Amino acid sequence: MKLFLLIYLVLFYGLAFFWRSFATWRATGINPYRLAQAEGLAGFLGRLFRLVSLGLAAVVLLYTLAPANWYTYLGPLVWLESGMVTAVGILLLIIAFFLVLIAQAQMGNSWRIGIDDKHKTQLVTHGIFRFSRNPIFLGMRLNLLGLFLVLPNAVTLTLWLLGDVTIHAQIFLEEQHLNQQHGTIYQSYQAMTPRYFGWPRS
């Protein structure tokens, strides 16, 4: 389990964020990481999610690399430590990983981290985006839940809940931005496609 989590951490952040950011920058000359330029609520949410991400990375590194007795300081929820719960958590992590990578590939050069109010991006509605307006955010939510189930403790519980609220708030901001950028085209897409996942509405 320790080796799995360490490899997963490297692959998830390495491929889904660092590599994808580099590939988008190389193809467009645009830095897709827009959180650094965000102000107001968007800037606050960006800083909050960075804190959540760093916190989860720290928990995984502590669990995998530090002496076993250090983990007890995180407040383990022993009643959730079972093979079934762990298996569900691993499954969610795997689904989240592939969901994020597939959605990013289908977004192509339109992919951003945060709101890009300087460059108009194409509205992506094909592939997995027919069933979810926010498959990457959905994958990130599943990632947070999966990590909590694999490592159920007070810290991962707090980070899961905080990250989930942060993602949901960010989605509302991005919906407002896309509505302003694409107008009636986005409104039609919004009316037909669920926010997280479901069958397209007629």
C-alpha atoms as a PDB file:
ATOM      1  CA  MET A   1       0.000   0.000   0.000  1.00  0.00           C
ATOM      2  CA  LYS A   2       2.814   2.438   0.816  1.00  0.00           C
ATOM      3  CA  LEU A   3       4.470   1.854  -2.544  1.00  0.00           C
ATOM      4  CA  PHE A   4       1.135   2.195  -4.369  1.00  0.00           C
ATOM      5  CA  LEU A   5       0.349   5.531  -2.728  1.00  0.00           C
ATOM      6  CA  LEU A   6       3.824   6.911  -3.380  1.00  0.00           C
ATOM      7  CA  ILE A   7       3.716   5.915  -7.055  1.00  0.00           C
ATOM      8  CA  TYR A   8       0.156   7.206  -7.379  1.00  0.00           C
ATOM      9  CA  LEU A   9       1.109  10.557  -5.879  1.00  0.00           C
ATOM     10  CA  VAL A  10       3.994  10.993  -8.321  1.00  0.00           C
ATOM     11  CA  LEU A  11       1.942   9.899 -11.345  1.00  0.00           C
ATOM     12  CA  PHE A  12      -1.173  11.899 -10.495  1.00  0.00           C
ATOM     13  CA  TYR A  13       0.578  15.210  -9.927  1.00  0.00           C
ATOM     14  CA  GLY A  14       3.327  14.516 -12.443  1.00  0.00           C
ATOM     15  CA  LEU A  15       1.098  13.579 -15.391  1.00  0.00           C
ATOM     16  CA  ALA A  16      -2.147  15.373 -14.600  1.00  0.00           C
ATOM     17  CA  PHE A  17      -0.658  18.718 -13.639  1.00  0.00           C
ATOM     18  CA  PHE A  18       3.047  19.214 -14.349  1.00  0.00           C
ATOM     19  CA  TRP A  19       3.243  17.347 -17.654  1.00  0.00           C
ATOM     20  CA  ARG A  20      -0.120  18.601 -18.916  1.00  0.00           C
ATOM     21  CA  SER A  21       0.814  22.167 -17.987  1.00  0.00           C
ATOM     22  CA  PHE A  22       4.109  21.852 -19.852  1.00  0.00           C
ATOM     23  CA  ALA A  23       2.433  20.300 -22.912  1.00  0.00           C
ATOM     24  CA  THR A  24      -0.189  23.066 -23.063  1.00  0.00           C
ATOM     25  CA  TRP A  25       2.446  25.779 -22.644  1.00  0.00           C
ATOM     26  CA  ARG A  26       4.631  24.229 -25.349  1.00  0.00           C
ATOM     27  CA  ALA A  27       1.698  24.004 -27.789  1.00  0.00           C
ATOM     28  CA  THR A  28       0.217  27.456 -27.161  1.00  0.00           C
ATOM     29  CA  GLY A  29       2.851  29.597 -25.461  1.00  0.00           C
ATOM     30  CA  ILE A  30       0.257  30.211 -22.722  1.00  0.00           C
ATOM     31  CA  ASN A  31       0.855  29.221 -19.124  1.00  0.00           C
ATOM     32  CA  PRO A  32      -2.294  27.221 -18.234  1.00  0.00           C
ATOM     33  CA  TYR A  33      -1.735  27.806 -14.523  1.00  0.00           C
ATOM     34  CA  ARG A  34      -3.909  30.870 -13.907  1.00  0.00           C
ATOM     35  CA  LEU A  35      -4.359  30.664 -10.148  1.00  0.00           C
ATOM     36  CA  ALA A  36      -1.284  32.798  -9.477  1.00  0.00           C
ATOM     37  CA  GLN A  37      -2.938  35.735 -11.267  1.00  0.00           C
ATOM     38  CA  ALA A  38      -6.356  35.258  -9.651  1.00  0.00           C
ATOM     39  CA  GLU A  39      -7.677  37.845  -7.217  1.00  0.00           C
ATOM     40  CA  GLY A  40     -10.617  38.055  -4.843  1.00  0.00           C
ATOM     41  CA  LEU A  41     -12.581  34.880  -4.193  1.00  0.00           C
ATOM     42  CA  ALA A  42     -10.891  33.004  -7.051  1.00  0.00           C
ATOM     43  CA  GLY A  43      -7.486  33.804  -5.592  1.00  0.00           C
ATOM     44  CA  PHE A  44      -8.586  32.706  -2.124  1.00  0.00           C
ATOM     45  CA  LEU A  45      -9.964  29.412  -3.466  1.00  0.00           C
ATOM     46  CA  GLY A  46      -6.759  28.832  -5.398  1.00  0.00           C
ATOM     47  CA  ARG A  47      -4.628  29.299  -2.303  1.00  0.00           C
ATOM     48  CA  LEU A  48      -6.975  27.088  -0.309  1.00  0.00           C
ATOM     49  CA  PHE A  49      -6.782  24.247  -2.803  1.00  0.00           C
ATOM     50  CA  ARG A  50      -3.003  24.501  -2.974  1.00  0.00           C
ATOM     51  CA  LEU A  51      -3.018  24.095   0.805  1.00  0.00           C
ATOM     52  CA  VAL A  52      -5.247  21.012   0.494  1.00  0.00           C
ATOM     53  CA  SER A  53      -3.000  19.500  -2.181  1.00  0.00           C
ATOM     54  CA  LEU A  54       0.157  20.119  -0.176  1.00  0.00           C
ATOM     55  CA  GLY A  55      -1.518  18.724   2.928  1.00  0.00           C
ATOM     56  CA  LEU A  56      -2.506  15.500   1.181  1.00  0.00           C
ATOM     57  CA  ALA A  57       0.964  15.115  -0.327  1.00  0.00           C
ATOM     58  CA  ALA A  58       2.458  15.596   3.141  1.00  0.00           C
ATOM     59  CA  VAL A  59       0.136  12.953   4.626  1.00  0.00           C
ATOM     60  CA  VAL A  60       1.048  10.428   1.921  1.00  0.00           C
ATOM     61  CA  LEU A  61       4.774  11.107   2.353  1.00  0.00           C
ATOM     62  CA  LEU A  62       4.465  10.844   6.131  1.00  0.00           C
ATOM     63  CA  TYR A  63       2.614   7.544   5.813  1.00  0.00           C
ATOM     64  CA  THR A  64       5.017   6.061   3.275  1.00  0.00           C
ATOM     65  CA  LEU A  65       8.401   7.392   4.404  1.00  0.00           C
ATOM     66  CA  ALA A  66       8.200   8.261   8.116  1.00  0.00           C
ATOM     67  CA  PRO A  67       8.343   5.768  10.996  1.00  0.00           C
ATOM     68  CA  ALA A  68       4.995   4.017  11.567  1.00  0.00           C
ATOM     69  CA  ASN A  69       4.376   5.618  14.980  1.00  0.00           C
ATOM     70  CA  TRP A  70       4.298   9.102  13.402  1.00  0.00           C
ATOM     71  CA  TYR A  71       1.045   8.245  11.628  1.00  0.00           C
ATOM     72  CA  THR A  72      -0.751   8.033  14.974  1.00  0.00           C
ATOM     73  CA  TYR A  73      -0.428  11.821  15.337  1.00  0.00           C
ATOM     74  CA  LEU A  74      -2.818  12.255  12.392  1.00  0.00           C
ATOM     75  CA  GLY A  75      -5.714  10.802  14.398  1.00  0.00           C
ATOM     76  CA  PRO A  76      -6.447   7.516  12.588  1.00  0.00           C
ATOM     77  CA  LEU A  77     -10.139   6.585  12.309  1.00  0.00           C
ATOM     78  CA  VAL A  78      -9.657   2.928  13.134  1.00  0.00           C
ATOM     79  CA  TRP A  79     -13.329   2.040  12.593  1.00  0.00           C
ATOM     80  CA  LEU A  80     -12.822   2.790   8.879  1.00  0.00           C
ATOM     81  CA  GLU A  81      -9.643   0.772   8.542  1.00  0.00           C
ATOM     82  CA  SER A  82     -10.921  -2.319   6.746  1.00  0.00           C
ATOM     83  CA  GLY A  83     -10.055  -4.173   3.587  1.00  0.00           C
ATOM     84  CA  MET A  84     -13.363  -3.281   1.930  1.00  0.00           C
ATOM     85  CA  VAL A  85     -13.033   0.441   2.625  1.00  0.00           C
ATOM     86  CA  THR A  86      -9.442   0.426   1.401  1.00  0.00           C
ATOM     87  CA  ALA A  87     -10.464  -1.405  -1.795  1.00  0.00           C
ATOM     88  CA  VAL A  88     -13.186   1.177  -2.502  1.00  0.00           C
ATOM     89  CA  GLY A  89     -10.658   3.952  -1.910  1.00  0.00           C
ATOM     90  CA  ILE A  90      -8.134   2.408  -4.323  1.00  0.00           C
ATOM     91  CA  LEU A  91     -10.851   1.972  -6.963  1.00  0.00           C
ATOM     92  CA  LEU A  92     -11.844   5.640  -6.620  1.00  0.00           C
ATOM     93  CA  LEU A  93      -8.212   6.715  -6.939  1.00  0.00           C
ATOM     94  CA  ILE A  94      -7.773   4.719 -10.137  1.00  0.00           C
ATOM     95  CA  ILE A  95     -11.031   6.032 -11.623  1.00  0.00           C
ATOM     96  CA  ALA A  96     -10.051   9.595 -10.682  1.00  0.00           C
ATOM     97  CA  PHE A  97      -6.632   9.235 -12.295  1.00  0.00           C
ATOM     98  CA  PHE A  98      -7.932   8.048 -15.670  1.00  0.00           C
ATOM     99  CA  LEU A  99     -10.931  10.385 -15.602  1.00  0.00           C
ATOM    100  CA  VAL A 100      -8.686  13.424 -15.169  1.00  0.00           C
ATOM    101  CA  LEU A 101      -6.206  12.314 -17.848  1.00  0.00           C
ATOM    102  CA  ILE A 102      -8.923  11.495 -20.398  1.00  0.00           C
ATOM    103  CA  ALA A 103     -10.749  14.772 -19.784  1.00  0.00           C
ATOM    104  CA  GLN A 104      -7.529  16.765 -20.073  1.00  0.00           C
ATOM    105  CA  ALA A 105      -6.667  15.043 -23.356  1.00  0.00           C
ATOM    106  CA  GLN A 106     -10.119  15.832 -24.738  1.00  0.00           C
ATOM    107  CA  MET A 107      -9.839  19.464 -23.644  1.00  0.00           C
ATOM    108  CA  GLY A 108      -6.545  19.806 -25.488  1.00  0.00           C
ATOM    109  CA  ASN A 109      -5.219  23.358 -25.511  1.00  0.00           C
ATOM    110  CA  SER A 110      -8.368  24.663 -23.798  1.00  0.00           C
ATOM    111  CA  TRP A 111      -7.254  23.143 -20.498  1.00  0.00           C
ATOM    112  CA  ARG A 112      -6.512  25.610 -17.707  1.00  0.00           C
ATOM    113  CA  ILE A 113      -5.926  25.540 -13.959  1.00  0.00           C
ATOM    114  CA  GLY A 114      -8.169  28.355 -12.833  1.00  0.00           C
ATOM    115  CA  ILE A 115      -9.969  31.040 -14.825  1.00  0.00           C
ATOM    116  CA  ASP A 116      -8.218  32.473 -17.872  1.00  0.00           C
ATOM    117  CA  ASP A 117      -9.802  35.872 -18.540  1.00  0.00           C
ATOM    118  CA  LYS A 118      -7.098  36.909 -21.026  1.00  0.00           C
ATOM    119  CA  HIS A 119      -7.403  34.167 -23.648  1.00  0.00           C
ATOM    120  CA  LYS A 120     -10.667  32.841 -25.060  1.00  0.00           C
ATOM    121  CA  THR A 121     -10.727  29.057 -25.058  1.00  0.00           C
ATOM    122  CA  GLN A 122     -12.843  26.697 -27.100  1.00  0.00           C
ATOM    123  CA  LEU A 123     -15.876  25.237 -25.324  1.00  0.00           C
ATOM    124  CA  VAL A 124     -15.369  21.472 -25.235  1.00  0.00           C
ATOM    125  CA  THR A 125     -18.597  19.464 -25.356  1.00  0.00           C
ATOM    126  CA  HIS A 126     -17.565  16.156 -26.941  1.00  0.00           C
ATOM    127  CA  GLY A 127     -16.408  12.861 -25.460  1.00  0.00           C
ATOM    128  CA  ILE A 128     -16.729  12.632 -21.712  1.00  0.00           C
ATOM    129  CA  PHE A 129     -17.903  16.238 -21.650  1.00  0.00           C
ATOM    130  CA  ARG A 130     -21.227  15.011 -23.071  1.00  0.00           C
ATOM    131  CA  PHE A 131     -21.913  13.425 -19.678  1.00  0.00           C
ATOM    132  CA  SER A 132     -20.223  15.917 -17.353  1.00  0.00           C
ATOM    133  CA  ARG A 133     -19.525  19.632 -17.571  1.00  0.00           C
ATOM    134  CA  ASN A 134     -16.732  19.206 -15.041  1.00  0.00           C
ATOM    135  CA  PRO A 135     -15.106  15.771 -15.404  1.00  0.00           C
ATOM    136  CA  ILE A 136     -11.723  17.017 -14.177  1.00  0.00           C
ATOM    137  CA  PHE A 137     -13.256  18.488 -11.047  1.00  0.00           C
ATOM    138  CA  LEU A 138     -15.244  15.274 -10.612  1.00  0.00           C
ATOM    139  CA  GLY A 139     -12.009  13.319 -10.824  1.00  0.00           C
ATOM    140  CA  MET A 140     -10.398  15.592  -8.253  1.00  0.00           C
ATOM    141  CA  ARG A 141     -13.333  15.092  -5.889  1.00  0.00           C
ATOM    142  CA  LEU A 142     -13.060  11.316  -6.286  1.00  0.00           C
ATOM    143  CA  ASN A 143      -9.321  11.607  -5.680  1.00  0.00           C
ATOM    144  CA  LEU A 144      -9.882  13.406  -2.374  1.00  0.00           C
ATOM    145  CA  LEU A 145     -12.482  10.872  -1.233  1.00  0.00           C
ATOM    146  CA  GLY A 146     -10.332   7.944  -2.334  1.00  0.00           C
ATOM    147  CA  LEU A 147      -7.309   9.170  -0.390  1.00  0.00           C
ATOM    148  CA  PHE A 148      -9.453   9.614   2.695  1.00  0.00           C
ATOM    149  CA  LEU A 149     -10.802   6.063   2.442  1.00  0.00           C
ATOM    150  CA  VAL A 150      -7.322   4.605   1.931  1.00  0.00           C
ATOM    151  CA  LEU A 151      -5.880   6.691   4.786  1.00  0.00           C
ATOM    152  CA  PRO A 152      -8.841   7.450   7.062  1.00  0.00           C
ATOM    153  CA  ASN A 153      -7.709   9.919   9.715  1.00  0.00           C
ATOM    154  CA  ALA A 154      -8.680  13.306  11.106  1.00  0.00           C
ATOM    155  CA  VAL A 155      -6.333  15.199   8.765  1.00  0.00           C
ATOM    156  CA  THR A 156      -7.452  13.517   5.512  1.00  0.00           C
ATOM    157  CA  LEU A 157     -11.097  13.921   6.610  1.00  0.00           C
ATOM    158  CA  THR A 158     -10.563  17.657   7.097  1.00  0.00           C
ATOM    159  CA  LEU A 159      -8.688  18.006   3.811  1.00  0.00           C
ATOM    160  CA  TRP A 160     -11.342  16.010   1.932  1.00  0.00           C
ATOM    161  CA  LEU A 161     -14.204  18.173   3.196  1.00  0.00           C
ATOM    162  CA  LEU A 162     -12.279  21.417   2.724  1.00  0.00           C
ATOM    163  CA  GLY A 163     -11.157  20.427  -0.770  1.00  0.00           C
ATOM    164  CA  ASP A 164     -14.646  19.326  -1.794  1.00  0.00           C
ATOM    165  CA  VAL A 165     -16.187  22.647  -0.763  1.00  0.00           C
ATOM    166  CA  THR A 166     -13.365  24.541  -2.487  1.00  0.00           C
ATOM    167  CA  ILE A 167     -13.845  22.638  -5.756  1.00  0.00           C
ATOM    168  CA  HIS A 168     -17.598  23.200  -5.711  1.00  0.00           C
ATOM    169  CA  ALA A 169     -17.136  26.944  -5.146  1.00  0.00           C
ATOM    170  CA  GLN A 170     -14.550  27.118  -7.956  1.00  0.00           C
ATOM    171  CA  ILE A 171     -17.007  25.448 -10.309  1.00  0.00           C
ATOM    172  CA  PHE A 172     -19.578  28.195  -9.719  1.00  0.00           C
ATOM    173  CA  LEU A 173     -16.959  30.832 -10.538  1.00  0.00           C
ATOM    174  CA  GLU A 174     -15.935  29.030 -13.716  1.00  0.00           C
ATOM    175  CA  GLU A 175     -19.566  28.617 -14.767  1.00  0.00           C
ATOM    176  CA  GLN A 176     -20.017  32.378 -14.500  1.00  0.00           C
ATOM    177  CA  HIS A 177     -16.855  32.915 -16.550  1.00  0.00           C
ATOM    178  CA  LEU A 178     -17.894  30.470 -19.274  1.00  0.00           C
ATOM    179  CA  ASN A 179     -21.347  32.032 -19.410  1.00  0.00           C
ATOM    180  CA  GLN A 180     -19.768  35.424 -20.010  1.00  0.00           C
ATOM    181  CA  GLN A 181     -17.307  34.066 -22.576  1.00  0.00           C
ATOM    182  CA  HIS A 182     -19.590  31.792 -24.597  1.00  0.00           C
ATOM    183  CA  GLY A 183     -23.075  33.164 -23.871  1.00  0.00           C
ATOM    184  CA  THR A 184     -26.021  31.204 -25.264  1.00  0.00           C
ATOM    185  CA  ILE A 185     -23.785  28.376 -26.503  1.00  0.00           C
ATOM    186  CA  TYR A 186     -22.692  27.627 -22.956  1.00  0.00           C
ATOM    187  CA  GLN A 187     -26.206  28.129 -21.599  1.00  0.00           C
ATOM    188  CA  SER A 188     -27.517  25.471 -24.018  1.00  0.00           C
ATOM    189  CA  TYR A 189     -24.692  23.131 -23.030  1.00  0.00           C
ATOM    190  CA  GLN A 190     -25.373  23.840 -19.356  1.00  0.00           C
ATOM    191  CA  ALA A 191     -29.050  22.988 -19.815  1.00  0.00           C
ATOM    192  CA  MET A 192     -28.289  19.650 -21.498  1.00  0.00           C
ATOM    193  CA  THR A 193     -25.297  18.372 -19.527  1.00  0.00           C
ATOM    194  CA  PRO A 194     -25.153  17.628 -15.765  1.00  0.00           C
ATOM    195  CA  ARG A 195     -22.634  19.526 -13.654  1.00  0.00           C
ATOM    196  CA  TYR A 196     -20.890  16.381 -12.439  1.00  0.00           C
ATOM    197  CA  PHE A 197     -22.172  13.245 -14.161  1.00  0.00           C
ATOM    198  CA  GLY A 198     -25.295  11.890 -15.755  1.00  0.00           C
ATOM    199  CA  TRP A 199     -27.060  11.179 -19.020  1.00  0.00           C
ATOM    200  CA  PRO A 200     -27.400  14.221 -21.296  1.00  0.00           C
ATOM    201  CA  ARG A 201     -30.804  15.882 -21.016  1.00  0.00           C
ATOM    202  CA  SER A 202     -32.874  16.228 -24.145  1.00  0.00           C
END
